Amino acid sequence: MPIQKGEGHYVTKTTGLTEAKVREIRQKYATPCPHCHRPPSMKELAALYGVSSVSIHNIIHRHSWKHVE
């Protein structure tokens, strides 16, 4: 059985993440906030998207959602 990727994967069904949200997470993490001049922490992003900080870490470091640019 091939490994499923993307929005049809089981992770999406439990977290509600989409490829668009994954791109947004990566973009937000790479961009400093105009007010505090630092990017949001993984913990802050996790709270914002309703997932664990481990999920955010895996997305940012491309351990998961590797196929999304």
C-alpha atoms as a PDB file:
ATOM      1  CA  MET A   1       0.000   0.000   0.000  1.00  0.00           C
ATOM      2  CA  PRO A   2       1.533   3.377  -0.966  1.00  0.00           C
ATOM      3  CA  ILE A   3       2.126   6.023   1.659  1.00  0.00           C
ATOM      4  CA  GLN A   4      -0.542   8.689   1.502  1.00  0.00           C
ATOM      5  CA  LYS A   5       0.472  12.328   1.413  1.00  0.00           C
ATOM      6  CA  GLY A   6      -1.363  15.598   1.718  1.00  0.00           C
ATOM      7  CA  GLU A   7      -4.925  16.421   2.537  1.00  0.00           C
ATOM      8  CA  GLY A   8      -6.130  12.813   2.176  1.00  0.00           C
ATOM      9  CA  HIS A   9      -3.719  11.600   4.846  1.00  0.00           C
ATOM     10  CA  TYR A  10      -5.019  10.577   8.277  1.00  0.00           C
ATOM     11  CA  VAL A  11      -3.272  13.529   9.959  1.00  0.00           C
ATOM     12  CA  THR A  12      -5.466  15.963   8.064  1.00  0.00           C
ATOM     13  CA  LYS A  13      -8.605  14.253   9.253  1.00  0.00           C
ATOM     14  CA  THR A  14      -7.619  14.681  12.900  1.00  0.00           C
ATOM     15  CA  THR A  15      -5.901  18.097  12.757  1.00  0.00           C
ATOM     16  CA  GLY A  16      -7.746  19.856   9.971  1.00  0.00           C
ATOM     17  CA  LEU A  17      -4.505  20.964   8.333  1.00  0.00           C
ATOM     18  CA  THR A  18      -4.448  21.588   4.614  1.00  0.00           C
ATOM     19  CA  GLU A  19      -1.582  22.203   2.224  1.00  0.00           C
ATOM     20  CA  ALA A  20      -2.462  25.906   2.293  1.00  0.00           C
ATOM     21  CA  LYS A  21      -2.232  25.988   6.105  1.00  0.00           C
ATOM     22  CA  VAL A  22       1.098  24.149   6.009  1.00  0.00           C
ATOM     23  CA  ARG A  23       2.484  26.768   3.599  1.00  0.00           C
ATOM     24  CA  GLU A  24       1.115  29.493   5.872  1.00  0.00           C
ATOM     25  CA  ILE A  25       2.763  27.939   8.959  1.00  0.00           C
ATOM     26  CA  ARG A  26       6.139  27.774   7.197  1.00  0.00           C
ATOM     27  CA  GLN A  27       5.788  31.345   5.933  1.00  0.00           C
ATOM     28  CA  LYS A  28       4.806  32.708   9.354  1.00  0.00           C
ATOM     29  CA  TYR A  29       7.701  30.914  11.036  1.00  0.00           C
ATOM     30  CA  ALA A  30      10.157  32.390   8.526  1.00  0.00           C
ATOM     31  CA  THR A  31       8.845  35.975   8.841  1.00  0.00           C
ATOM     32  CA  PRO A  32       9.544  38.208  11.854  1.00  0.00           C
ATOM     33  CA  CYS A  33       6.596  39.961  13.464  1.00  0.00           C
ATOM     34  CA  PRO A  34       6.638  43.709  12.675  1.00  0.00           C
ATOM     35  CA  HIS A  35       5.962  44.530  16.344  1.00  0.00           C
ATOM     36  CA  CYS A  36       8.381  42.301  18.234  1.00  0.00           C
ATOM     37  CA  HIS A  37      10.865  41.640  15.374  1.00  0.00           C
ATOM     38  CA  ARG A  38      10.910  37.876  15.887  1.00  0.00           C
ATOM     39  CA  PRO A  39       9.015  35.038  14.248  1.00  0.00           C
ATOM     40  CA  PRO A  40       6.284  33.320  16.269  1.00  0.00           C
ATOM     41  CA  SER A  41       7.457  30.385  18.347  1.00  0.00           C
ATOM     42  CA  MET A  42       6.427  26.855  17.491  1.00  0.00           C
ATOM     43  CA  LYS A  43       4.302  26.864  20.636  1.00  0.00           C
ATOM     44  CA  GLU A  44       2.504  30.036  19.495  1.00  0.00           C
ATOM     45  CA  LEU A  45       1.886  28.575  16.040  1.00  0.00           C
ATOM     46  CA  ALA A  46       0.614  25.345  17.594  1.00  0.00           C
ATOM     47  CA  ALA A  47      -1.934  27.277  19.656  1.00  0.00           C
ATOM     48  CA  LEU A  48      -2.969  29.323  16.616  1.00  0.00           C
ATOM     49  CA  TYR A  49      -3.581  26.259  14.425  1.00  0.00           C
ATOM     50  CA  GLY A  50      -4.887  23.910  17.127  1.00  0.00           C
ATOM     51  CA  VAL A  51      -2.133  21.317  16.775  1.00  0.00           C
ATOM     52  CA  SER A  52       0.792  20.225  18.932  1.00  0.00           C
ATOM     53  CA  SER A  53       4.148  21.968  18.922  1.00  0.00           C
ATOM     54  CA  VAL A  54       5.626  18.645  17.758  1.00  0.00           C
ATOM     55  CA  SER A  55       3.394  18.826  14.666  1.00  0.00           C
ATOM     56  CA  ILE A  56       4.595  22.378  13.994  1.00  0.00           C
ATOM     57  CA  HIS A  57       8.228  21.288  14.438  1.00  0.00           C
ATOM     58  CA  ASN A  58       7.703  18.420  11.979  1.00  0.00           C
ATOM     59  CA  ILE A  59       6.076  20.742   9.433  1.00  0.00           C
ATOM     60  CA  ILE A  60       8.785  23.414   9.688  1.00  0.00           C
ATOM     61  CA  HIS A  61      11.646  20.924   9.481  1.00  0.00           C
ATOM     62  CA  ARG A  62       9.868  18.983   6.716  1.00  0.00           C
ATOM     63  CA  HIS A  63       9.608  15.711   8.628  1.00  0.00           C
ATOM     64  CA  SER A  64       5.957  15.810   7.609  1.00  0.00           C
ATOM     65  CA  TRP A  65       4.262  17.467   4.630  1.00  0.00           C
ATOM     66  CA  LYS A  66       7.536  17.104   2.688  1.00  0.00           C
ATOM     67  CA  HIS A  67       5.747  17.333  -0.634  1.00  0.00           C
ATOM     68  CA  VAL A  68       4.425  20.849   0.118  1.00  0.00           C
ATOM     69  CA  GLU A  69       6.678  23.706  -0.960  1.00  0.00           C
END
